Amino acid sequence: MTKKKVYEALKKYGLEDRITTHEETIDTVEHAAMRIGCTEPEIAKTLSFVVDEKPVIVVMAGDGRVNSSKFKAKFHTKPHMVPRDQVEELIGYQPGGVCPFGIPSDIPVWLDVSMKRFAYVHPAAGDEYTSVTLTPEELERASNAMGWCDICKGWEE
């Protein structure tokens, strides 16, 4: 079901052929980089936060960590992750496979500028065995992102 949802969402942009299914789990940045054959920073991790009691998704480079001050400046609240046991119910994917494709239309998606330094990034594609390879611009289109934000620390430009 989740694979079909991601496939259909990416098909609207002609990107469905970029989905890869892996034999082993890609549920962490480290595992994903090993299976895909890229660096850890090129993994586009999708994190879900609670802002004004509603979910918000931020996709960031694998080496990025949320900077509380930057997050608060952007979203006017401290960063609070969606509780793990509520992720699937609210976002539509289980932890390890959360992605910005085929999610409920009322959940805003933001992309962190930490990904702009790469030709390609690799977000999950709905489960812990599936990824998709996209340019940052393709990710922006296919995720219907609200725009780019700068909420990360720990990465070098």
N, C-alpha and C. Protein backbone atom coordinates (compact mmCIF):
# COMPACT_ATOMS: atom_id res chain seq x y z
N MET A 1 0.83 -1.20 0.00
CA MET A 1 0.00 0.00 0.00
C MET A 1 0.87 1.27 0.00
N THR A 2 1.88 1.31 0.89
CA THR A 2 2.70 2.52 0.95
C THR A 2 3.53 2.68 -0.32
N LYS A 3 4.02 1.56 -0.87
CA LYS A 3 4.80 1.66 -2.11
C LYS A 3 3.93 2.22 -3.24
N LYS A 4 2.71 1.76 -3.32
CA LYS A 4 1.80 2.25 -4.36
C LYS A 4 1.52 3.74 -4.18
N LYS A 5 1.34 4.17 -2.94
CA LYS A 5 1.07 5.57 -2.64
C LYS A 5 2.24 6.45 -3.09
N VAL A 6 3.46 6.03 -2.78
CA VAL A 6 4.65 6.79 -3.19
C VAL A 6 4.80 6.74 -4.71
N TYR A 7 4.61 5.56 -5.30
CA TYR A 7 4.70 5.40 -6.75
C TYR A 7 3.75 6.36 -7.46
N GLU A 8 2.52 6.41 -7.02
CA GLU A 8 1.51 7.29 -7.63
C GLU A 8 1.87 8.76 -7.45
N ALA A 9 2.37 9.11 -6.28
CA ALA A 9 2.76 10.51 -6.02
C ALA A 9 3.92 10.92 -6.92
N LEU A 10 4.90 10.05 -7.10
CA LEU A 10 6.06 10.37 -7.94
C LEU A 10 5.73 10.29 -9.44
N LYS A 11 4.77 9.45 -9.79
CA LYS A 11 4.37 9.30 -11.19
C LYS A 11 3.82 10.61 -11.76
N LYS A 12 3.18 11.41 -10.92
CA LYS A 12 2.64 12.70 -11.36
C LYS A 12 3.73 13.61 -11.91
N TYR A 13 4.98 13.36 -11.49
CA TYR A 13 6.12 14.19 -11.91
C TYR A 13 7.08 13.43 -12.82
N GLY A 14 6.69 12.23 -13.25
CA GLY A 14 7.55 11.42 -14.11
C GLY A 14 8.79 10.90 -13.39
N LEU A 15 8.69 10.70 -12.08
CA LEU A 15 9.85 10.30 -11.28
C LEU A 15 9.71 8.90 -10.69
N GLU A 16 8.69 8.17 -11.08
CA GLU A 16 8.43 6.86 -10.49
C GLU A 16 9.54 5.86 -10.78
N ASP A 17 10.30 6.07 -11.86
CA ASP A 17 11.39 5.15 -12.20
C ASP A 17 12.63 5.35 -11.32
N ARG A 18 12.60 6.32 -10.43
CA ARG A 18 13.74 6.60 -9.54
C ARG A 18 13.65 5.82 -8.22
N ILE A 19 12.58 5.07 -8.03
CA ILE A 19 12.40 4.30 -6.79
C ILE A 19 13.27 3.05 -6.84
N THR A 20 13.95 2.76 -5.74
CA THR A 20 14.77 1.56 -5.63
C THR A 20 14.34 0.78 -4.40
N THR A 21 14.16 -0.53 -4.55
CA THR A 21 13.86 -1.40 -3.43
C THR A 21 15.16 -2.13 -3.06
N HIS A 22 15.49 -2.11 -1.78
CA HIS A 22 16.73 -2.68 -1.28
C HIS A 22 16.45 -4.01 -0.56
N GLU A 23 17.42 -4.91 -0.60
CA GLU A 23 17.28 -6.21 0.06
C GLU A 23 17.34 -6.08 1.58
N GLU A 24 18.11 -5.08 2.06
CA GLU A 24 18.28 -4.90 3.50
C GLU A 24 17.73 -3.54 3.90
N THR A 25 17.47 -3.37 5.17
CA THR A 25 16.85 -2.16 5.68
C THR A 25 17.69 -0.91 5.45
N ILE A 26 17.01 0.19 5.21
CA ILE A 26 17.63 1.51 5.11
C ILE A 26 17.00 2.44 6.15
N ASP A 27 16.71 1.87 7.33
CA ASP A 27 15.96 2.59 8.36
C ASP A 27 16.77 3.64 9.11
N THR A 28 18.07 3.70 8.91
CA THR A 28 18.90 4.75 9.51
C THR A 28 19.71 5.42 8.40
N VAL A 29 20.24 6.58 8.68
CA VAL A 29 21.09 7.28 7.71
C VAL A 29 22.28 6.40 7.35
N GLU A 30 22.89 5.77 8.34
CA GLU A 30 24.05 4.91 8.09
C GLU A 30 23.70 3.73 7.19
N HIS A 31 22.62 3.03 7.51
CA HIS A 31 22.19 1.90 6.68
C HIS A 31 21.85 2.34 5.27
N ALA A 32 21.12 3.45 5.15
CA ALA A 32 20.72 3.94 3.84
C ALA A 32 21.93 4.26 2.97
N ALA A 33 22.90 4.95 3.53
CA ALA A 33 24.10 5.31 2.75
C ALA A 33 24.84 4.06 2.29
N MET A 34 24.96 3.06 3.15
CA MET A 34 25.64 1.81 2.78
C MET A 34 24.90 1.11 1.65
N ARG A 35 23.58 1.01 1.76
CA ARG A 35 22.80 0.27 0.75
C ARG A 35 22.73 1.01 -0.59
N ILE A 36 22.60 2.34 -0.52
CA ILE A 36 22.45 3.15 -1.73
C ILE A 36 23.80 3.36 -2.40
N GLY A 37 24.86 3.43 -1.59
CA GLY A 37 26.20 3.66 -2.14
C GLY A 37 26.51 5.14 -2.26
N CYS A 38 26.08 5.91 -1.29
CA CYS A 38 26.34 7.35 -1.28
C CYS A 38 26.90 7.72 0.09
N THR A 39 27.18 8.99 0.29
CA THR A 39 27.63 9.43 1.60
C THR A 39 26.43 9.64 2.52
N GLU A 40 26.67 9.59 3.81
CA GLU A 40 25.58 9.81 4.77
C GLU A 40 24.93 11.18 4.60
N PRO A 41 25.69 12.26 4.36
CA PRO A 41 25.03 13.56 4.17
C PRO A 41 24.04 13.59 2.99
N GLU A 42 24.24 12.75 1.98
CA GLU A 42 23.34 12.74 0.81
C GLU A 42 22.00 12.06 1.09
N ILE A 43 21.88 11.40 2.23
CA ILE A 43 20.59 10.83 2.62
C ILE A 43 19.68 11.97 3.07
N ALA A 44 18.50 12.03 2.50
CA ALA A 44 17.53 13.07 2.86
C ALA A 44 16.60 12.49 3.92
N LYS A 45 16.87 12.85 5.17
CA LYS A 45 16.05 12.29 6.24
C LYS A 45 14.81 13.16 6.43
N THR A 46 13.69 12.49 6.60
CA THR A 46 12.40 13.15 6.73
C THR A 46 11.96 13.06 8.19
N LEU A 47 11.89 14.22 8.83
CA LEU A 47 11.51 14.27 10.24
C LEU A 47 10.15 14.94 10.39
N SER A 48 9.36 14.43 11.32
CA SER A 48 8.03 15.01 11.55
C SER A 48 7.99 15.65 12.93
N PHE A 49 7.54 16.89 12.94
CA PHE A 49 7.47 17.70 14.15
C PHE A 49 6.02 18.10 14.42
N VAL A 50 5.78 18.53 15.65
CA VAL A 50 4.48 19.08 16.01
C VAL A 50 4.65 20.59 16.13
N VAL A 51 3.88 21.33 15.34
CA VAL A 51 3.88 22.79 15.37
C VAL A 51 2.42 23.22 15.45
N ASP A 52 2.09 23.99 16.47
CA ASP A 52 0.71 24.41 16.68
C ASP A 52 -0.25 23.23 16.71
N GLU A 53 0.19 22.16 17.36
CA GLU A 53 -0.59 20.94 17.55
C GLU A 53 -0.90 20.20 16.26
N LYS A 54 -0.13 20.48 15.19
CA LYS A 54 -0.32 19.81 13.91
C LYS A 54 1.04 19.32 13.40
N PRO A 55 1.06 18.25 12.61
CA PRO A 55 2.33 17.77 12.09
C PRO A 55 2.90 18.68 11.00
N VAL A 56 4.21 18.78 10.99
CA VAL A 56 4.97 19.50 9.97
C VAL A 56 6.16 18.61 9.63
N ILE A 57 6.45 18.48 8.35
CA ILE A 57 7.58 17.66 7.92
C ILE A 57 8.73 18.57 7.50
N VAL A 58 9.93 18.19 7.92
CA VAL A 58 11.15 18.86 7.45
C VAL A 58 12.08 17.78 6.93
N VAL A 59 12.54 17.95 5.69
CA VAL A 59 13.50 17.03 5.09
C VAL A 59 14.85 17.73 5.12
N MET A 60 15.87 17.01 5.62
CA MET A 60 17.20 17.61 5.77
C MET A 60 18.28 16.60 5.40
N ALA A 61 19.49 17.12 5.18
CA ALA A 61 20.63 16.27 4.86
C ALA A 61 20.93 15.34 6.01
N GLY A 62 21.50 14.19 5.68
CA GLY A 62 21.79 13.17 6.67
C GLY A 62 22.74 13.59 7.77
N ASP A 63 23.57 14.60 7.51
CA ASP A 63 24.50 15.06 8.55
C ASP A 63 23.96 16.26 9.31
N GLY A 64 22.76 16.70 9.00
CA GLY A 64 22.17 17.84 9.69
C GLY A 64 21.51 17.43 11.00
N ARG A 65 21.57 18.31 11.96
CA ARG A 65 20.87 18.14 13.22
C ARG A 65 20.06 19.41 13.45
N VAL A 66 18.91 19.27 14.05
CA VAL A 66 18.04 20.42 14.25
C VAL A 66 18.68 21.39 15.23
N ASN A 67 18.76 22.64 14.83
CA ASN A 67 19.21 23.73 15.69
C ASN A 67 17.97 24.34 16.32
N SER A 68 17.85 24.22 17.63
CA SER A 68 16.63 24.68 18.32
C SER A 68 16.33 26.16 18.07
N SER A 69 17.36 26.99 18.08
CA SER A 69 17.15 28.43 17.87
C SER A 69 16.64 28.71 16.46
N LYS A 70 17.24 28.07 15.47
CA LYS A 70 16.79 28.28 14.09
C LYS A 70 15.37 27.75 13.89
N PHE A 71 15.08 26.58 14.49
CA PHE A 71 13.74 26.01 14.39
C PHE A 71 12.72 26.97 14.99
N LYS A 72 13.03 27.48 16.17
CA LYS A 72 12.10 28.39 16.85
C LYS A 72 11.90 29.68 16.05
N ALA A 73 12.96 30.18 15.42
CA ALA A 73 12.84 31.40 14.61
C ALA A 73 11.92 31.15 13.41
N LYS A 74 11.98 29.95 12.84
CA LYS A 74 11.16 29.64 11.67
C LYS A 74 9.71 29.30 12.05
N PHE A 75 9.55 28.45 13.07
CA PHE A 75 8.22 27.90 13.38
C PHE A 75 7.60 28.47 14.66
N HIS A 76 8.30 29.37 15.35
CA HIS A 76 7.78 30.05 16.53
C HIS A 76 7.44 29.11 17.68
N THR A 77 8.17 28.00 17.75
CA THR A 77 8.03 27.04 18.84
C THR A 77 9.30 26.21 18.91
N LYS A 78 9.52 25.59 20.05
CA LYS A 78 10.66 24.68 20.18
C LYS A 78 10.39 23.42 19.37
N PRO A 79 11.44 22.77 18.88
CA PRO A 79 11.22 21.54 18.11
C PRO A 79 10.76 20.38 18.99
N HIS A 80 9.61 19.81 18.63
CA HIS A 80 9.09 18.62 19.29
C HIS A 80 8.72 17.63 18.20
N MET A 81 9.35 16.48 18.25
CA MET A 81 9.06 15.44 17.25
C MET A 81 7.67 14.85 17.51
N VAL A 82 7.02 14.40 16.45
CA VAL A 82 5.79 13.63 16.59
C VAL A 82 6.17 12.37 17.36
N PRO A 83 5.44 12.01 18.40
CA PRO A 83 5.77 10.78 19.13
C PRO A 83 5.79 9.57 18.18
N ARG A 84 6.79 8.72 18.37
CA ARG A 84 7.02 7.57 17.48
C ARG A 84 5.75 6.74 17.28
N ASP A 85 4.97 6.55 18.35
CA ASP A 85 3.78 5.71 18.23
C ASP A 85 2.62 6.41 17.51
N GLN A 86 2.80 7.69 17.14
CA GLN A 86 1.76 8.42 16.41
C GLN A 86 2.15 8.75 14.97
N VAL A 87 3.39 8.43 14.61
CA VAL A 87 3.89 8.81 13.28
C VAL A 87 3.05 8.22 12.17
N GLU A 88 2.82 6.91 12.20
CA GLU A 88 2.07 6.28 11.12
C GLU A 88 0.65 6.82 11.03
N GLU A 89 0.01 7.01 12.16
CA GLU A 89 -1.37 7.52 12.18
C GLU A 89 -1.44 8.93 11.59
N LEU A 90 -0.50 9.79 11.94
CA LEU A 90 -0.54 11.18 11.51
C LEU A 90 0.05 11.42 10.12
N ILE A 91 1.15 10.73 9.81
CA ILE A 91 1.89 10.99 8.57
C ILE A 91 1.54 9.97 7.48
N GLY A 92 1.24 8.75 7.89
CA GLY A 92 0.88 7.72 6.92
C GLY A 92 1.97 6.72 6.63
N TYR A 93 3.11 6.85 7.29
CA TYR A 93 4.23 5.92 7.12
C TYR A 93 4.80 5.57 8.48
N GLN A 94 5.37 4.37 8.57
CA GLN A 94 6.01 3.96 9.80
C GLN A 94 7.39 4.61 9.93
N PRO A 95 7.86 4.85 11.15
CA PRO A 95 9.22 5.34 11.32
C PRO A 95 10.21 4.43 10.58
N GLY A 96 11.18 5.05 9.94
CA GLY A 96 12.13 4.30 9.11
C GLY A 96 11.78 4.39 7.64
N GLY A 97 10.54 4.73 7.34
CA GLY A 97 10.10 4.85 5.96
C GLY A 97 9.38 6.15 5.68
N VAL A 98 9.36 7.06 6.66
CA VAL A 98 8.64 8.33 6.49
C VAL A 98 9.28 9.10 5.32
N CYS A 99 8.42 9.59 4.46
CA CYS A 99 8.87 10.36 3.30
C CYS A 99 7.88 11.49 3.03
N PRO A 100 8.26 12.45 2.20
CA PRO A 100 7.37 13.59 1.95
C PRO A 100 6.43 13.40 0.76
N PHE A 101 6.23 12.16 0.32
CA PHE A 101 5.40 11.89 -0.86
C PHE A 101 4.13 11.16 -0.45
N GLY A 102 3.00 11.59 -1.00
CA GLY A 102 1.75 10.90 -0.73
C GLY A 102 1.26 11.05 0.70
N ILE A 103 1.66 12.13 1.34
CA ILE A 103 1.19 12.39 2.70
C ILE A 103 -0.10 13.20 2.65
N PRO A 104 -0.83 13.28 3.76
CA PRO A 104 -2.04 14.11 3.75
C PRO A 104 -1.72 15.55 3.30
N SER A 105 -2.58 16.12 2.48
CA SER A 105 -2.32 17.43 1.86
C SER A 105 -2.27 18.57 2.86
N ASP A 106 -2.78 18.36 4.07
CA ASP A 106 -2.75 19.45 5.06
C ASP A 106 -1.46 19.46 5.89
N ILE A 107 -0.52 18.56 5.59
CA ILE A 107 0.76 18.54 6.31
C ILE A 107 1.79 19.29 5.47
N PRO A 108 2.26 20.44 5.97
CA PRO A 108 3.26 21.18 5.21
C PRO A 108 4.62 20.48 5.22
N VAL A 109 5.30 20.55 4.09
CA VAL A 109 6.65 19.99 3.94
C VAL A 109 7.61 21.14 3.70
N TRP A 110 8.68 21.16 4.47
CA TRP A 110 9.76 22.13 4.31
C TRP A 110 11.04 21.38 4.00
N LEU A 111 11.90 21.95 3.19
CA LEU A 111 13.18 21.37 2.84
C LEU A 111 14.29 22.23 3.42
N ASP A 112 15.24 21.59 4.08
CA ASP A 112 16.34 22.35 4.67
C ASP A 112 17.42 22.60 3.62
N VAL A 113 18.01 23.79 3.68
CA VAL A 113 19.04 24.19 2.72
C VAL A 113 20.27 23.30 2.77
N SER A 114 20.42 22.50 3.80
CA SER A 114 21.57 21.59 3.90
C SER A 114 21.64 20.61 2.73
N MET A 115 20.54 20.39 2.03
CA MET A 115 20.52 19.45 0.90
C MET A 115 20.92 20.10 -0.42
N LYS A 116 20.90 21.42 -0.49
CA LYS A 116 21.16 22.10 -1.76
C LYS A 116 22.59 21.91 -2.28
N ARG A 117 23.49 21.43 -1.45
CA ARG A 117 24.89 21.27 -1.88
C ARG A 117 25.12 20.01 -2.69
N PHE A 118 24.10 19.16 -2.84
CA PHE A 118 24.25 17.89 -3.54
C PHE A 118 23.53 17.88 -4.89
N ALA A 119 24.10 17.14 -5.83
CA ALA A 119 23.44 16.95 -7.13
C ALA A 119 22.20 16.07 -6.94
N TYR A 120 22.31 15.05 -6.07
CA TYR A 120 21.20 14.14 -5.80
C TYR A 120 21.10 13.88 -4.30
N VAL A 121 19.87 13.70 -3.84
CA VAL A 121 19.62 13.29 -2.46
C VAL A 121 18.73 12.06 -2.50
N HIS A 122 18.67 11.35 -1.37
CA HIS A 122 18.00 10.05 -1.35
C HIS A 122 17.06 9.92 -0.16
N PRO A 123 15.82 10.37 -0.30
CA PRO A 123 14.85 10.16 0.78
C PRO A 123 14.28 8.74 0.73
N ALA A 124 13.70 8.33 1.85
CA ALA A 124 12.97 7.06 1.88
C ALA A 124 11.78 7.18 0.93
N ALA A 125 11.22 6.03 0.60
CA ALA A 125 10.08 6.02 -0.32
C ALA A 125 8.93 5.21 0.24
N GLY A 126 8.67 5.38 1.53
CA GLY A 126 7.46 4.80 2.11
C GLY A 126 7.66 3.65 3.07
N ASP A 127 8.82 2.98 3.02
CA ASP A 127 9.11 1.94 4.00
C ASP A 127 10.62 1.84 4.20
N GLU A 128 11.03 0.98 5.10
CA GLU A 128 12.45 0.91 5.44
C GLU A 128 13.29 0.12 4.45
N TYR A 129 12.73 -0.24 3.30
CA TYR A 129 13.47 -0.95 2.26
C TYR A 129 13.48 -0.21 0.93
N THR A 130 12.90 0.98 0.87
CA THR A 130 12.71 1.66 -0.40
C THR A 130 13.22 3.09 -0.32
N SER A 131 13.92 3.51 -1.38
CA SER A 131 14.42 4.89 -1.46
C SER A 131 14.14 5.43 -2.85
N VAL A 132 14.37 6.72 -3.02
CA VAL A 132 14.22 7.37 -4.31
C VAL A 132 15.38 8.35 -4.47
N THR A 133 15.89 8.45 -5.68
CA THR A 133 17.01 9.35 -5.98
C THR A 133 16.48 10.54 -6.76
N LEU A 134 16.68 11.75 -6.21
CA LEU A 134 16.14 12.96 -6.81
C LEU A 134 17.15 14.10 -6.69
N THR A 135 17.06 15.05 -7.60
CA THR A 135 17.80 16.29 -7.41
C THR A 135 17.05 17.09 -6.34
N PRO A 136 17.70 18.04 -5.70
CA PRO A 136 16.95 18.86 -4.74
C PRO A 136 15.74 19.56 -5.38
N GLU A 137 15.88 19.98 -6.62
CA GLU A 137 14.77 20.65 -7.31
C GLU A 137 13.61 19.68 -7.55
N GLU A 138 13.94 18.43 -7.94
CA GLU A 138 12.89 17.43 -8.13
C GLU A 138 12.21 17.10 -6.81
N LEU A 139 12.99 17.03 -5.73
CA LEU A 139 12.42 16.79 -4.41
C LEU A 139 11.46 17.91 -4.02
N GLU A 140 11.85 19.13 -4.33
CA GLU A 140 10.98 20.27 -4.02
C GLU A 140 9.64 20.15 -4.75
N ARG A 141 9.69 19.82 -6.03
CA ARG A 141 8.45 19.68 -6.81
C ARG A 141 7.62 18.49 -6.33
N ALA A 142 8.25 17.33 -6.24
CA ALA A 142 7.52 16.09 -5.94
C ALA A 142 6.94 16.07 -4.53
N SER A 143 7.54 16.83 -3.62
CA SER A 143 7.03 16.86 -2.25
C SER A 143 6.02 17.99 -2.03
N ASN A 144 5.81 18.79 -3.06
CA ASN A 144 4.93 19.96 -2.93
C ASN A 144 5.37 20.82 -1.73
N ALA A 145 6.67 21.01 -1.62
CA ALA A 145 7.24 21.72 -0.48
C ALA A 145 6.74 23.16 -0.41
N MET A 146 6.61 23.63 0.82
CA MET A 146 6.26 25.02 1.06
C MET A 146 7.42 25.93 0.67
N GLY A 147 8.63 25.37 0.75
CA GLY A 147 9.82 26.13 0.41
C GLY A 147 11.03 25.58 1.14
N TRP A 148 12.09 26.38 1.12
CA TRP A 148 13.35 26.01 1.77
C TRP A 148 13.47 26.75 3.10
N CYS A 149 14.04 26.07 4.08
CA CYS A 149 14.28 26.68 5.38
C CYS A 149 15.71 26.38 5.80
N ASP A 150 16.14 27.02 6.87
CA ASP A 150 17.49 26.83 7.40
C ASP A 150 17.36 26.57 8.89
N ILE A 151 17.19 25.29 9.26
CA ILE A 151 17.00 24.96 10.68
C ILE A 151 18.06 23.98 11.20
N CYS A 152 19.09 23.69 10.41
CA CYS A 152 20.06 22.66 10.79
C CYS A 152 21.39 23.23 11.25
N LYS A 153 22.08 22.40 12.00
CA LYS A 153 23.47 22.65 12.38
C LYS A 153 24.22 21.34 12.13
N GLY A 154 25.53 21.40 12.17
CA GLY A 154 26.32 20.20 12.07
C GLY A 154 26.74 19.80 10.68
N TRP A 155 26.39 20.57 9.71
CA TRP A 155 26.81 20.26 8.35
C TRP A 155 27.69 21.39 7.83
N GLU A 156 28.53 21.05 6.91
CA GLU A 156 29.43 22.04 6.33
C GLU A 156 29.05 22.30 4.88
N GLU A 157 29.01 23.56 4.51
CA GLU A 157 28.66 23.92 3.13
C GLU A 157 29.87 23.76 2.25
